[in-house]
Amino acid sequence: MRNQVRILLMIFVLVAAVACSAEPQVVEVTRIVNNDVPVTIEVTRVVTQETTVEVPVEVTRVVEVAVVVTATPESQPEPTAVPPTPTVEVIVPTAVPPTAVPPTGATYTVVPGDTLSVIANKTGIAAEDIATANGLSNINIIAVGQELIIPGWDGELAAGGSPENPTQPAAPVAGANLLPNPSFEEGWYFFNGVAEWQLPNQWQLAVDEGPNNLSPGSGGSFYRPEIRVLSRAHIPPAEQALFLFDGENTIKAFKGDAPTNFSIFTDVALQPGSYRFTANFFPDAVTGYNGSQKVWNSDPLAAEYRIIQNGGGTGWQSAPAGRKNTVTYEFTLTAPGTVRLGVGFRNRFAQSNNGWFIDDWSLQKINTP
């Protein structure tokens, strides 16, 4: 803008000079233009920056370990030989259990009709002492054929005779069998409509299909067994004497390659008094076969049972596989009522066969003469 004003002033002066001069003159006009020229300036910013560099460092942990070196006489080298690599033996302290001192006394074999009180009368040794000497957790349950140590007994029966042929003057007198369909001869039905659960009439079933948390055990879950009421005609002749206890029918419960846990029971209305419940069964716990011969599992935990009396009864007991088992259980009622009685069966290991043959149960009222 300032340049334009300057130019106008100069033109005005020239015009005035021309007007005053009679003679025209030549005037040289010089235009001065000031232009602002942009100049690009490059500025370099110097910044100081600290850089952290991670350098991997290997750390060696030094641990002092005490090692016991055992050298055997055979491995000791000659003085001029190169010594062999020593054998390192880690010694783990082992707790040595105290030596159990077996109770002194003669051995008595349980016969049908025996209870601990009966055996106590025969031998003159208190029932509690017999139970303690044999580690019996429940004095109401013993099995026919079971051998008991009678502490302090000389082997002579109080009433004369011998354990193999005992007299039983003080044995309770048992009445009639109070169980319904006790030998499973009076028909069968499908429990809960399940075709694989064939039960004798008036008997019931409970099956555990939950986790198998027993230790030792095969883990996993319990599987439902298959249950059949078999007649003599459906049992091989060579096994009839093993699996049939009475009559023509027996219950067969079995499951291959899986653990099982189930119970068979019935409900009975009873009056006050003392009662004896007897159950017979054959654990068919098979680990494999030697040709056509079964190899029964000798592990005491391979087959187990417990007596059921309402919500109680006994704990789990070992049932030797491959032979007949007869167990008795006695109880007393102080008031009339309905009692649930039965037996629970379980196999904690998965093996070739977890089977049971069940037959000839009884419930009798007993009176001591």
Protein backbone atom coordinates (compact mmCIF):
# COMPACT_ATOMS: atom_id res chain seq x y z
CA MET A 1 0.00 0.00 0.00
CA ARG A 2 2.82 2.35 0.81
CA ASN A 3 4.37 1.74 -2.63
CA GLN A 4 1.14 2.77 -4.34
CA VAL A 5 0.99 6.09 -2.42
CA ARG A 6 4.59 6.84 -3.35
CA ILE A 7 3.85 6.23 -7.05
CA LEU A 8 0.82 8.52 -6.97
CA LEU A 9 2.85 11.36 -5.40
CA MET A 10 5.50 11.06 -8.04
CA ILE A 11 2.92 11.17 -10.85
CA PHE A 12 1.33 14.24 -9.28
CA VAL A 13 4.71 16.08 -9.15
CA LEU A 14 5.40 15.28 -12.81
CA VAL A 15 2.00 16.43 -13.91
CA ALA A 16 2.49 19.69 -12.05
CA ALA A 17 5.90 20.20 -13.60
CA VAL A 18 4.55 19.59 -17.09
CA ALA A 19 1.76 21.98 -16.53
CA CYS A 20 4.19 24.68 -15.47
CA SER A 21 6.61 24.14 -18.33
CA ALA A 22 5.81 25.37 -21.73
CA GLU A 23 8.05 22.85 -23.26
CA PRO A 24 7.46 19.18 -22.78
CA GLN A 25 10.18 17.17 -21.01
CA VAL A 26 10.98 13.52 -20.90
CA VAL A 27 10.95 12.11 -17.38
CA GLU A 28 12.29 8.67 -16.50
CA VAL A 29 10.29 7.02 -13.81
CA THR A 30 11.85 4.24 -11.87
CA ARG A 31 9.46 1.89 -10.01
CA ILE A 32 10.89 0.53 -6.89
CA VAL A 33 9.11 -2.57 -5.76
CA ASN A 34 9.93 -4.21 -2.49
CA ASN A 35 8.86 -7.88 -2.61
CA ASP A 36 9.00 -10.11 0.42
CA VAL A 37 10.60 -13.39 -0.75
CA PRO A 38 9.86 -16.35 1.54
CA VAL A 39 12.96 -18.17 2.63
CA THR A 40 12.76 -21.80 3.86
CA ILE A 41 15.02 -22.44 6.85
CA GLU A 42 15.64 -26.05 7.98
CA VAL A 43 16.02 -26.34 11.73
CA THR A 44 17.53 -29.48 13.21
CA ARG A 45 16.48 -30.30 16.78
CA VAL A 46 19.02 -32.15 18.77
CA VAL A 47 17.45 -34.31 21.48
CA THR A 48 19.35 -36.39 23.97
CA GLN A 49 17.51 -39.69 24.66
CA GLU A 50 18.46 -42.44 27.08
CA THR A 51 17.96 -45.96 25.65
CA THR A 52 17.67 -49.05 27.88
CA VAL A 53 18.97 -52.27 26.35
CA GLU A 54 17.94 -55.60 27.93
CA VAL A 55 20.85 -58.01 27.97
CA PRO A 56 20.02 -61.67 28.88
CA VAL A 57 22.02 -62.85 31.85
CA GLU A 58 22.28 -66.53 32.75
CA VAL A 59 22.03 -67.11 36.50
CA THR A 60 23.30 -70.34 37.95
CA ARG A 61 21.80 -71.42 41.27
CA VAL A 62 24.21 -73.30 43.44
CA VAL A 63 22.55 -75.91 45.67
CA GLU A 64 24.41 -78.03 48.14
CA VAL A 65 23.13 -81.64 48.13
CA ALA A 66 24.21 -84.25 50.62
CA VAL A 67 24.74 -87.58 48.83
CA VAL A 68 25.55 -90.88 50.48
CA VAL A 69 27.95 -92.93 48.36
CA THR A 70 27.99 -96.63 49.05
CA ALA A 71 30.89 -98.66 47.72
CA THR A 72 30.63 -102.45 47.70
CA PRO A 73 33.73 -104.59 48.24
CA GLU A 74 33.36 -106.07 44.77
CA SER A 75 33.42 -102.66 43.12
CA GLN A 76 36.55 -101.35 44.90
CA PRO A 77 39.34 -100.92 42.27
CA GLU A 78 42.97 -101.90 42.57
CA PRO A 79 45.29 -99.04 43.53
CA THR A 80 46.59 -98.73 39.96
CA ALA A 81 43.16 -99.00 38.27
CA VAL A 82 41.03 -96.09 37.16
CA PRO A 83 38.31 -95.71 39.82
CA PRO A 84 34.81 -96.53 38.49
CA THR A 85 31.87 -94.19 38.69
CA PRO A 86 30.49 -94.42 42.25
CA THR A 87 27.00 -95.74 42.84
CA VAL A 88 24.74 -93.10 44.37
CA GLU A 89 22.21 -94.49 46.78
CA VAL A 90 19.44 -92.26 48.11
CA ILE A 91 18.43 -93.45 51.53
CA VAL A 92 14.78 -92.86 52.40
CA PRO A 93 13.92 -93.27 56.07
CA THR A 94 11.44 -96.10 56.53
CA ALA A 95 9.16 -96.25 59.50
CA VAL A 96 9.34 -99.69 61.03
CA PRO A 97 5.99 -100.63 62.55
CA PRO A 98 6.08 -102.22 65.93
CA THR A 99 5.93 -105.96 65.82
CA ALA A 100 2.39 -107.06 66.58
CA VAL A 101 2.18 -109.75 69.23
CA PRO A 102 -0.56 -112.17 68.23
CA PRO A 103 -2.92 -113.07 71.01
CA THR A 104 -2.35 -116.48 72.53
CA GLY A 105 -5.12 -119.03 72.50
CA ALA A 106 -6.71 -121.73 70.41
CA THR A 107 -8.59 -121.25 67.13
CA TYR A 108 -12.32 -121.82 66.80
CA THR A 109 -14.18 -122.33 63.48
CA VAL A 110 -17.62 -120.71 63.26
CA VAL A 111 -20.48 -123.16 62.57
CA PRO A 112 -24.13 -122.48 61.64
CA GLY A 113 -26.05 -120.99 64.55
CA ASP A 114 -22.99 -119.41 66.15
CA THR A 115 -22.88 -115.87 67.46
CA LEU A 116 -20.17 -114.32 69.59
CA SER A 117 -22.32 -114.84 72.68
CA VAL A 118 -22.80 -118.50 71.78
CA ILE A 119 -19.05 -118.93 71.22
CA ALA A 120 -18.39 -117.17 74.53
CA ASN A 121 -20.63 -119.72 76.31
CA LYS A 122 -18.85 -122.59 74.56
CA THR A 123 -15.33 -121.43 75.38
CA GLY A 124 -15.79 -119.53 78.62
CA ILE A 125 -14.14 -116.41 77.11
CA ALA A 126 -16.01 -113.08 77.08
CA ALA A 127 -17.46 -112.05 73.70
CA GLU A 128 -15.76 -108.63 73.97
CA ASP A 129 -12.34 -110.29 74.39
CA ILE A 130 -12.95 -112.48 71.33
CA ALA A 131 -13.97 -109.45 69.26
CA THR A 132 -10.85 -107.51 70.34
CA ALA A 133 -8.49 -110.41 69.61
CA ASN A 134 -9.88 -110.76 66.07
CA GLY A 135 -10.28 -107.07 65.25
CA LEU A 136 -14.05 -107.37 64.73
CA SER A 137 -15.57 -103.93 64.17
CA ASN A 138 -19.09 -105.28 64.66
CA ILE A 139 -19.69 -108.04 67.21
CA ASN A 140 -23.04 -108.90 65.60
CA ILE A 141 -21.58 -110.23 62.36
CA ILE A 142 -19.49 -113.35 61.83
CA ALA A 143 -19.39 -115.82 58.94
CA VAL A 144 -19.78 -119.59 58.90
CA GLY A 145 -16.34 -121.14 58.37
CA GLN A 146 -14.57 -118.08 59.77
CA GLU A 147 -11.65 -118.91 62.08
CA LEU A 148 -11.51 -116.95 65.31
CA ILE A 149 -8.67 -116.72 67.82
CA ILE A 150 -10.04 -117.29 71.33
CA PRO A 151 -7.55 -115.60 73.70
CA GLY A 152 -6.67 -117.70 76.75
CA TRP A 153 -8.75 -120.67 75.58
CA ASP A 154 -7.28 -124.16 75.89
CA GLY A 155 -9.38 -125.62 73.08
CA GLU A 156 -11.86 -127.45 75.31
CA LEU A 157 -15.54 -126.63 75.00
CA ALA A 158 -17.39 -125.77 78.16
CA ALA A 159 -20.17 -128.19 77.26
CA GLY A 160 -17.79 -130.94 76.00
CA GLY A 161 -17.06 -132.00 72.43
CA SER A 162 -14.76 -130.21 70.00
CA PRO A 163 -15.02 -127.18 67.68
CA GLU A 164 -15.46 -129.51 64.71
CA ASN A 165 -18.45 -131.22 66.33
CA PRO A 166 -19.71 -128.77 68.94
CA THR A 167 -22.72 -129.05 71.17
CA GLN A 168 -24.85 -125.94 71.45
CA PRO A 169 -26.87 -126.14 74.65
CA ALA A 170 -27.07 -122.37 75.00
CA ALA A 171 -27.74 -121.54 71.34
CA PRO A 172 -30.80 -119.36 70.76
CA VAL A 173 -33.80 -121.14 69.32
CA ALA A 174 -34.71 -119.69 65.93
CA GLY A 175 -38.23 -119.46 64.62
CA ALA A 176 -39.69 -119.54 61.11
CA ASN A 177 -38.24 -117.58 58.22
CA LEU A 178 -39.93 -114.17 58.21
CA LEU A 179 -38.59 -112.91 54.86
CA PRO A 180 -40.87 -112.79 51.83
CA ASN A 181 -39.73 -115.03 48.93
CA PRO A 182 -36.52 -115.84 50.88
CA SER A 183 -35.01 -118.34 48.48
CA PHE A 184 -36.19 -116.47 45.36
CA GLU A 185 -38.37 -119.35 44.17
CA GLU A 186 -41.64 -117.40 44.00
CA GLY A 187 -41.39 -115.53 40.71
CA TRP A 188 -39.65 -112.37 39.51
CA TYR A 189 -40.30 -108.97 37.86
CA PHE A 190 -38.41 -106.19 36.06
CA PHE A 191 -37.51 -103.60 38.70
CA ASN A 192 -38.65 -100.10 37.60
CA GLY A 193 -39.44 -101.64 34.21
CA VAL A 194 -35.70 -101.98 33.39
CA ALA A 195 -35.17 -105.12 31.31
CA GLU A 196 -31.65 -105.72 32.66
CA TRP A 197 -32.86 -105.69 36.30
CA GLN A 198 -34.71 -108.95 36.93
CA LEU A 199 -35.52 -109.23 40.65
CA PRO A 200 -37.36 -111.79 42.79
CA ASN A 201 -40.87 -110.74 43.72
CA GLN A 202 -41.09 -108.53 46.85
CA TRP A 203 -37.41 -107.52 46.68
CA GLN A 204 -36.02 -104.12 45.69
CA LEU A 205 -32.82 -102.69 44.26
CA ALA A 206 -30.60 -99.62 44.73
CA VAL A 207 -27.73 -98.89 42.30
CA ASP A 208 -24.90 -96.37 42.68
CA GLU A 209 -23.75 -94.92 39.34
CA GLY A 210 -21.70 -92.08 40.82
CA PRO A 211 -17.92 -91.56 40.97
CA ASN A 212 -15.72 -94.39 42.22
CA ASN A 213 -13.60 -92.47 44.74
CA LEU A 214 -12.42 -95.57 46.62
CA SER A 215 -8.69 -95.86 47.24
CA PRO A 216 -7.37 -98.24 46.19
CA GLY A 217 -9.72 -98.52 43.26
CA SER A 218 -10.00 -98.20 39.50
CA GLY A 219 -11.47 -94.69 39.60
CA GLY A 220 -13.98 -93.53 37.03
CA SER A 221 -17.63 -94.25 37.85
CA PHE A 222 -19.61 -97.20 39.13
CA TYR A 223 -21.63 -98.96 36.44
CA ARG A 224 -25.04 -100.56 36.81
CA PRO A 225 -24.87 -104.36 36.99
CA GLU A 226 -27.06 -106.71 35.01
CA ILE A 227 -29.23 -108.82 37.31
CA ARG A 228 -30.99 -112.10 36.45
CA VAL A 229 -32.95 -114.75 38.37
CA LEU A 230 -31.42 -117.96 37.03
CA SER A 231 -32.76 -121.47 37.35
CA ARG A 232 -30.61 -124.54 37.81
CA ALA A 233 -31.03 -125.38 34.13
CA HIS A 234 -29.23 -122.15 33.15
CA ILE A 235 -26.15 -122.87 35.30
CA PRO A 236 -23.37 -125.20 34.08
CA PRO A 237 -23.50 -128.49 36.02
CA ALA A 238 -19.94 -128.03 37.29
CA GLU A 239 -20.94 -124.71 38.94
CA GLN A 240 -24.37 -125.57 40.32
CA ALA A 241 -22.95 -126.62 43.69
CA LEU A 242 -21.13 -123.27 43.92
CA PHE A 243 -23.89 -120.89 42.88
CA LEU A 244 -27.03 -122.58 44.24
CA PHE A 245 -27.50 -122.61 48.01
CA ASP A 246 -31.11 -123.81 48.14
CA GLY A 247 -33.91 -124.73 45.77
CA GLU A 248 -33.81 -124.21 42.00
CA ASN A 249 -33.20 -120.47 41.60
CA THR A 250 -30.43 -118.00 42.39
CA ILE A 251 -29.78 -114.31 41.67
CA LYS A 252 -26.89 -113.54 39.33
CA ALA A 253 -25.58 -109.95 39.31
CA PHE A 254 -22.61 -109.20 37.08
CA LYS A 255 -20.65 -106.54 35.18
CA GLY A 256 -17.50 -106.97 33.13
CA ASP A 257 -14.53 -104.57 33.14
CA ALA A 258 -16.17 -101.97 35.40
CA PRO A 259 -16.64 -101.35 39.16
CA THR A 260 -20.12 -101.85 40.64
CA ASN A 261 -21.99 -100.81 43.80
CA PHE A 262 -25.56 -101.97 44.46
CA SER A 263 -27.84 -103.42 47.16
CA ILE A 264 -30.81 -105.81 47.30
CA PHE A 265 -33.31 -105.46 50.17
CA THR A 266 -36.90 -105.90 51.35
CA ASP A 267 -39.14 -104.37 54.03
CA VAL A 268 -40.52 -106.55 56.85
CA ALA A 269 -43.03 -105.66 59.60
CA LEU A 270 -41.70 -106.96 62.92
CA GLN A 271 -42.73 -107.05 66.55
CA PRO A 272 -40.36 -106.29 69.46
CA GLY A 273 -37.75 -108.95 70.05
CA SER A 274 -34.35 -110.22 68.94
CA TYR A 275 -33.75 -111.35 65.36
CA ARG A 276 -31.08 -113.05 63.28
CA PHE A 277 -30.64 -112.20 59.59
CA THR A 278 -28.65 -114.69 57.46
CA ALA A 279 -27.43 -114.13 53.89
CA ASN A 280 -25.61 -116.44 51.49
CA PHE A 281 -23.67 -115.31 48.44
CA PHE A 282 -20.79 -116.31 46.17
CA PRO A 283 -18.43 -113.50 44.95
CA ASP A 284 -17.56 -114.29 41.32
CA ALA A 285 -14.75 -111.69 41.11
CA VAL A 286 -12.62 -112.86 38.18
CA THR A 287 -9.32 -111.30 37.07
CA GLY A 288 -8.96 -113.50 34.00
CA TYR A 289 -9.08 -117.03 32.65
CA ASN A 290 -6.55 -119.84 32.46
CA GLY A 291 -7.98 -121.69 29.51
CA SER A 292 -11.56 -122.34 30.59
CA GLN A 293 -10.76 -121.97 34.30
CA LYS A 294 -11.61 -118.78 36.17
CA VAL A 295 -8.87 -116.95 38.05
CA TRP A 296 -10.55 -115.38 41.05
CA ASN A 297 -9.15 -112.19 42.53
CA SER A 298 -7.41 -112.91 45.85
CA ASP A 299 -7.30 -109.24 46.89
CA PRO A 300 -9.43 -108.87 50.07
CA LEU A 301 -10.90 -105.66 48.62
CA ALA A 302 -11.90 -107.21 45.29
CA ALA A 303 -15.37 -108.07 46.63
CA GLU A 304 -17.06 -106.40 49.61
CA TYR A 305 -20.45 -106.51 51.30
CA ARG A 306 -22.35 -104.83 54.10
CA ILE A 307 -25.54 -105.69 55.99
CA ILE A 308 -28.38 -103.17 55.68
CA GLN A 309 -30.77 -102.57 58.59
CA ASN A 310 -32.83 -99.45 57.94
CA GLY A 311 -30.29 -96.60 57.82
CA GLY A 312 -27.63 -98.60 59.68
CA GLY A 313 -26.32 -102.13 59.73
CA THR A 314 -22.62 -102.84 59.33
CA GLY A 315 -19.67 -101.29 57.57
CA TRP A 316 -18.09 -102.78 54.47
CA GLN A 317 -16.55 -106.23 54.99
CA SER A 318 -14.30 -108.34 52.77
CA ALA A 319 -15.96 -111.26 50.97
CA PRO A 320 -13.40 -113.86 49.78
CA ALA A 321 -13.92 -114.49 46.06
CA GLY A 322 -14.40 -117.94 44.59
CA ARG A 323 -16.15 -119.54 47.55
CA LYS A 324 -19.49 -119.54 49.35
CA ASN A 325 -19.97 -116.89 52.04
CA THR A 326 -22.57 -117.16 54.82
CA VAL A 327 -22.98 -114.15 57.11
CA THR A 328 -25.30 -113.54 60.05
CA TYR A 329 -26.42 -110.33 61.69
CA GLU A 330 -28.41 -110.00 64.90
CA PHE A 331 -30.43 -107.05 66.16
CA THR A 332 -33.12 -106.26 68.73
CA LEU A 333 -36.30 -104.20 68.40
CA THR A 334 -37.85 -102.52 71.42
CA ALA A 335 -40.99 -101.41 69.56
CA PRO A 336 -42.96 -102.76 66.60
CA GLY A 337 -42.08 -101.35 63.20
CA THR A 338 -41.15 -101.98 59.59
CA VAL A 339 -37.49 -102.86 59.13
CA ARG A 340 -35.56 -102.67 55.85
CA LEU A 341 -33.15 -105.59 55.58
CA GLY A 342 -30.71 -106.54 52.84
CA VAL A 343 -27.12 -106.66 51.68
CA GLY A 344 -24.98 -104.14 49.79
CA PHE A 345 -22.41 -105.45 47.30
CA ARG A 346 -19.53 -103.59 45.67
CA ASN A 347 -16.48 -104.18 43.50
CA ARG A 348 -14.00 -101.32 43.47
CA PHE A 349 -11.78 -102.69 40.68
CA ALA A 350 -12.44 -103.04 36.96
CA GLN A 351 -11.71 -106.67 36.07
CA SER A 352 -12.86 -109.42 33.72
CA ASN A 353 -16.01 -110.01 35.77
CA ASN A 354 -17.50 -108.49 38.88
CA GLY A 355 -20.19 -111.04 39.63
CA TRP A 356 -22.30 -112.21 42.58
CA PHE A 357 -24.53 -115.27 43.04
CA ILE A 358 -27.08 -114.61 45.80
CA ASP A 359 -29.41 -117.20 47.34
CA ASP A 360 -31.20 -118.53 50.43
CA TRP A 361 -31.66 -115.62 52.85
CA SER A 362 -33.52 -115.84 56.15
CA LEU A 363 -34.79 -113.73 59.03
CA GLN A 364 -35.66 -115.53 62.25
CA LYS A 365 -36.80 -114.45 65.67
CA ILE A 366 -34.52 -115.91 68.31
CA ASN A 367 -35.20 -116.74 71.95
CA THR A 368 -32.55 -117.80 74.43
CA PRO A 369 -33.69 -120.88 76.41
